[in-house]
Amino acid sequence: MGRRTQADRDAITVEIGYALISATLVAALTFGAIAGPKLMFTMPYAAERGLLFAGLAAAGIVFAVRVVTVLWRFSRAPGQPSQPGRTSPDS
């Protein structure tokens, strides 16, 4: 693999930032959907702890899957077109 240009490094940095921010959002929504009823309803202590634990576990898994998926797609994506506004160099 050759040396990366500044544009390549910038693209990777932006994609990592996008992966982390979107994964955080999806994980927070997942946690809220699972553990949210704990705040809305009166439940036994064991049920509250179970929802909290399930929400944390699901949020962690969703976070990791989202980061890996976004970065995997980025690494497999074809390069940018050579001419702005065109879908391929042969257009």
N, C-alpha and C. Protein backbone atom coordinates (compact mmCIF):
# COMPACT_ATOMS: atom_id res chain seq x y z
N MET A 1 0.84 -1.17 0.00
CA MET A 1 0.00 0.00 0.00
C MET A 1 0.90 1.24 0.00
N GLY A 2 0.57 2.17 -0.86
CA GLY A 2 1.38 3.38 -0.99
C GLY A 2 1.08 4.38 0.12
N ARG A 3 1.76 5.49 0.03
CA ARG A 3 1.55 6.55 1.03
C ARG A 3 0.19 7.18 0.83
N ARG A 4 -0.43 7.54 1.92
CA ARG A 4 -1.75 8.18 1.85
C ARG A 4 -1.58 9.69 1.69
N THR A 5 -2.46 10.26 0.90
CA THR A 5 -2.44 11.71 0.74
C THR A 5 -3.17 12.35 1.92
N GLN A 6 -3.05 13.66 2.02
CA GLN A 6 -3.76 14.38 3.08
C GLN A 6 -5.26 14.22 2.92
N ALA A 7 -5.74 14.20 1.69
CA ALA A 7 -7.18 14.02 1.44
C ALA A 7 -7.65 12.65 1.93
N ASP A 8 -6.84 11.63 1.71
CA ASP A 8 -7.18 10.28 2.20
C ASP A 8 -7.25 10.26 3.73
N ARG A 9 -6.28 10.88 4.37
CA ARG A 9 -6.27 10.91 5.84
C ARG A 9 -7.46 11.71 6.37
N ASP A 10 -7.79 12.80 5.70
CA ASP A 10 -8.95 13.59 6.13
C ASP A 10 -10.24 12.79 5.97
N ALA A 11 -10.36 12.06 4.87
CA ALA A 11 -11.56 11.26 4.63
C ALA A 11 -11.71 10.17 5.70
N ILE A 12 -10.62 9.56 6.08
CA ILE A 12 -10.66 8.53 7.11
C ILE A 12 -11.06 9.14 8.46
N THR A 13 -10.51 10.31 8.77
CA THR A 13 -10.83 10.98 10.02
C THR A 13 -12.31 11.33 10.09
N VAL A 14 -12.84 11.87 9.00
CA VAL A 14 -14.27 12.22 8.96
C VAL A 14 -15.12 10.97 9.11
N GLU A 15 -14.74 9.90 8.45
CA GLU A 15 -15.54 8.67 8.52
C GLU A 15 -15.51 8.06 9.92
N ILE A 16 -14.38 8.11 10.59
CA ILE A 16 -14.30 7.61 11.97
C ILE A 16 -15.18 8.47 12.88
N GLY A 17 -15.13 9.78 12.71
CA GLY A 17 -15.99 10.66 13.50
C GLY A 17 -17.47 10.37 13.26
N TYR A 18 -17.85 10.18 12.00
CA TYR A 18 -19.24 9.86 11.68
C TYR A 18 -19.63 8.53 12.31
N ALA A 19 -18.76 7.54 12.23
CA ALA A 19 -19.06 6.23 12.80
C ALA A 19 -19.29 6.33 14.31
N LEU A 20 -18.44 7.08 15.00
CA LEU A 20 -18.57 7.19 16.46
C LEU A 20 -19.81 7.98 16.86
N ILE A 21 -20.08 9.08 16.16
CA ILE A 21 -21.26 9.89 16.52
C ILE A 21 -22.56 9.15 16.21
N SER A 22 -22.64 8.53 15.04
CA SER A 22 -23.87 7.81 14.70
C SER A 22 -24.06 6.59 15.60
N ALA A 23 -22.96 5.92 15.97
CA ALA A 23 -23.06 4.77 16.86
C ALA A 23 -23.53 5.20 18.25
N THR A 24 -23.05 6.35 18.71
CA THR A 24 -23.49 6.87 20.02
C THR A 24 -24.98 7.17 20.01
N LEU A 25 -25.45 7.79 18.93
CA LEU A 25 -26.88 8.10 18.82
C LEU A 25 -27.73 6.84 18.79
N VAL A 26 -27.34 5.87 17.99
CA VAL A 26 -28.11 4.63 17.89
C VAL A 26 -28.07 3.87 19.22
N ALA A 27 -26.93 3.86 19.89
CA ALA A 27 -26.83 3.18 21.18
C ALA A 27 -27.70 3.86 22.23
N ALA A 28 -27.72 5.20 22.24
CA ALA A 28 -28.56 5.93 23.20
C ALA A 28 -30.04 5.65 22.95
N LEU A 29 -30.44 5.61 21.69
CA LEU A 29 -31.84 5.30 21.38
C LEU A 29 -32.20 3.88 21.78
N THR A 30 -31.28 2.96 21.56
CA THR A 30 -31.52 1.57 21.96
C THR A 30 -31.65 1.45 23.47
N PHE A 31 -30.74 2.10 24.19
CA PHE A 31 -30.81 2.08 25.65
C PHE A 31 -32.12 2.68 26.14
N GLY A 32 -32.52 3.81 25.57
CA GLY A 32 -33.76 4.46 25.97
C GLY A 32 -34.99 3.60 25.69
N ALA A 33 -34.97 2.91 24.56
CA ALA A 33 -36.12 2.06 24.22
C ALA A 33 -36.25 0.87 25.17
N ILE A 34 -35.12 0.34 25.60
CA ILE A 34 -35.17 -0.83 26.48
C ILE A 34 -35.33 -0.44 27.95
N ALA A 35 -34.56 0.53 28.41
CA ALA A 35 -34.59 0.91 29.82
C ALA A 35 -35.61 2.00 30.12
N GLY A 36 -36.19 2.60 29.10
CA GLY A 36 -37.16 3.68 29.29
C GLY A 36 -38.36 3.33 30.15
N PRO A 37 -38.95 2.16 29.97
CA PRO A 37 -40.11 1.81 30.80
C PRO A 37 -39.81 1.83 32.30
N LYS A 38 -38.54 1.66 32.66
CA LYS A 38 -38.13 1.73 34.07
C LYS A 38 -38.49 3.10 34.66
N LEU A 39 -38.37 4.15 33.86
CA LEU A 39 -38.68 5.49 34.33
C LEU A 39 -40.18 5.80 34.31
N MET A 40 -40.90 5.12 33.45
CA MET A 40 -42.33 5.42 33.25
C MET A 40 -43.24 4.67 34.23
N PHE A 41 -42.85 3.48 34.59
CA PHE A 41 -43.73 2.62 35.37
C PHE A 41 -43.06 2.19 36.68
N THR A 42 -43.88 1.91 37.66
CA THR A 42 -43.38 1.35 38.91
C THR A 42 -43.22 -0.15 38.72
N MET A 43 -42.02 -0.63 38.98
CA MET A 43 -41.71 -2.04 38.77
C MET A 43 -40.96 -2.58 39.97
N PRO A 44 -40.96 -3.89 40.11
CA PRO A 44 -40.12 -4.49 41.16
C PRO A 44 -38.64 -4.18 40.88
N TYR A 45 -37.87 -4.20 41.94
CA TYR A 45 -36.44 -3.87 41.84
C TYR A 45 -35.73 -4.76 40.84
N ALA A 46 -36.03 -6.05 40.84
CA ALA A 46 -35.36 -6.99 39.93
C ALA A 46 -35.68 -6.66 38.47
N ALA A 47 -36.90 -6.26 38.20
CA ALA A 47 -37.28 -5.91 36.83
C ALA A 47 -36.56 -4.64 36.38
N GLU A 48 -36.46 -3.66 37.28
CA GLU A 48 -35.75 -2.43 36.95
C GLU A 48 -34.28 -2.71 36.65
N ARG A 49 -33.65 -3.51 37.49
CA ARG A 49 -32.24 -3.85 37.28
C ARG A 49 -32.08 -4.64 35.98
N GLY A 50 -33.02 -5.54 35.71
CA GLY A 50 -32.96 -6.33 34.48
C GLY A 50 -33.06 -5.45 33.24
N LEU A 51 -34.00 -4.49 33.26
CA LEU A 51 -34.12 -3.58 32.13
C LEU A 51 -32.88 -2.72 31.96
N LEU A 52 -32.34 -2.25 33.07
CA LEU A 52 -31.12 -1.44 33.00
C LEU A 52 -29.96 -2.25 32.43
N PHE A 53 -29.77 -3.45 32.91
CA PHE A 53 -28.69 -4.30 32.41
C PHE A 53 -28.90 -4.65 30.94
N ALA A 54 -30.13 -5.01 30.57
CA ALA A 54 -30.42 -5.35 29.17
C ALA A 54 -30.19 -4.14 28.26
N GLY A 55 -30.57 -2.95 28.72
CA GLY A 55 -30.36 -1.75 27.93
C GLY A 55 -28.88 -1.45 27.73
N LEU A 56 -28.10 -1.59 28.80
CA LEU A 56 -26.66 -1.35 28.70
C LEU A 56 -25.99 -2.37 27.76
N ALA A 57 -26.37 -3.62 27.90
CA ALA A 57 -25.79 -4.67 27.06
C ALA A 57 -26.15 -4.45 25.59
N ALA A 58 -27.42 -4.17 25.32
CA ALA A 58 -27.85 -3.96 23.95
C ALA A 58 -27.20 -2.71 23.35
N ALA A 59 -27.09 -1.65 24.15
CA ALA A 59 -26.47 -0.42 23.67
C ALA A 59 -25.00 -0.66 23.31
N GLY A 60 -24.30 -1.40 24.13
CA GLY A 60 -22.90 -1.71 23.83
C GLY A 60 -22.74 -2.52 22.56
N ILE A 61 -23.59 -3.50 22.39
CA ILE A 61 -23.53 -4.33 21.18
C ILE A 61 -23.87 -3.51 19.95
N VAL A 62 -24.94 -2.71 20.04
CA VAL A 62 -25.35 -1.89 18.90
C VAL A 62 -24.26 -0.88 18.54
N PHE A 63 -23.62 -0.30 19.55
CA PHE A 63 -22.53 0.66 19.31
C PHE A 63 -21.41 -0.01 18.52
N ALA A 64 -20.97 -1.16 18.98
CA ALA A 64 -19.86 -1.85 18.32
C ALA A 64 -20.22 -2.26 16.89
N VAL A 65 -21.42 -2.79 16.72
CA VAL A 65 -21.86 -3.23 15.39
C VAL A 65 -21.94 -2.04 14.44
N ARG A 66 -22.46 -0.91 14.91
CA ARG A 66 -22.58 0.28 14.06
C ARG A 66 -21.21 0.81 13.63
N VAL A 67 -20.26 0.89 14.55
CA VAL A 67 -18.93 1.38 14.20
C VAL A 67 -18.27 0.46 13.18
N VAL A 68 -18.34 -0.83 13.42
CA VAL A 68 -17.71 -1.79 12.50
C VAL A 68 -18.38 -1.73 11.13
N THR A 69 -19.69 -1.66 11.10
CA THR A 69 -20.41 -1.62 9.83
C THR A 69 -20.06 -0.38 9.02
N VAL A 70 -20.06 0.78 9.65
CA VAL A 70 -19.76 2.02 8.93
C VAL A 70 -18.33 1.98 8.40
N LEU A 71 -17.38 1.59 9.22
CA LEU A 71 -15.99 1.57 8.78
C LEU A 71 -15.72 0.48 7.75
N TRP A 72 -16.43 -0.63 7.84
CA TRP A 72 -16.29 -1.71 6.86
C TRP A 72 -16.78 -1.22 5.50
N ARG A 73 -17.95 -0.57 5.47
CA ARG A 73 -18.47 -0.06 4.21
C ARG A 73 -17.55 1.00 3.61
N PHE A 74 -16.95 1.83 4.46
CA PHE A 74 -16.04 2.86 3.97
C PHE A 74 -14.81 2.23 3.32
N SER A 75 -14.28 1.19 3.94
CA SER A 75 -13.07 0.56 3.40
C SER A 75 -13.35 -0.16 2.08
N ARG A 76 -14.58 -0.58 1.86
CA ARG A 76 -14.93 -1.30 0.65
C ARG A 76 -15.50 -0.39 -0.44
N ALA A 77 -15.76 0.87 -0.12
CA ALA A 77 -16.36 1.79 -1.08
C ALA A 77 -15.37 2.16 -2.17
N PRO A 78 -15.88 2.29 -3.40
CA PRO A 78 -14.98 2.72 -4.48
C PRO A 78 -14.57 4.18 -4.27
N GLY A 79 -13.52 4.59 -4.91
CA GLY A 79 -13.03 5.96 -4.78
C GLY A 79 -14.00 6.97 -5.37
N GLN A 80 -13.71 8.21 -5.17
CA GLN A 80 -14.54 9.29 -5.68
C GLN A 80 -14.38 9.38 -7.20
N PRO A 81 -15.42 9.86 -7.89
CA PRO A 81 -15.28 10.06 -9.34
C PRO A 81 -14.21 11.10 -9.64
N SER A 82 -13.57 10.98 -10.78
CA SER A 82 -12.48 11.89 -11.11
C SER A 82 -12.97 13.28 -11.47
N GLN A 83 -14.23 13.41 -11.90
CA GLN A 83 -14.77 14.71 -12.28
C GLN A 83 -15.99 15.00 -11.42
N PRO A 84 -16.02 16.12 -10.74
CA PRO A 84 -17.16 16.44 -9.90
C PRO A 84 -18.46 16.49 -10.70
N GLY A 85 -19.52 15.94 -10.12
CA GLY A 85 -20.81 15.96 -10.78
C GLY A 85 -21.05 14.79 -11.70
N ARG A 86 -20.09 13.93 -11.86
CA ARG A 86 -20.26 12.77 -12.73
C ARG A 86 -20.21 11.50 -11.89
N THR A 87 -20.90 10.47 -12.36
CA THR A 87 -20.98 9.24 -11.57
C THR A 87 -19.80 8.33 -11.80
N SER A 88 -19.15 8.45 -12.95
CA SER A 88 -17.95 7.64 -13.20
C SER A 88 -17.07 8.37 -14.20
N PRO A 89 -15.80 8.01 -14.27
CA PRO A 89 -14.90 8.69 -15.20
C PRO A 89 -15.30 8.53 -16.67
N ASP A 90 -16.07 7.47 -16.98
CA ASP A 90 -16.44 7.21 -18.37
C ASP A 90 -17.72 7.93 -18.78
N SER A 91 -18.36 8.67 -17.88
CA SER A 91 -19.63 9.31 -18.21
C SER A 91 -19.43 10.40 -19.25
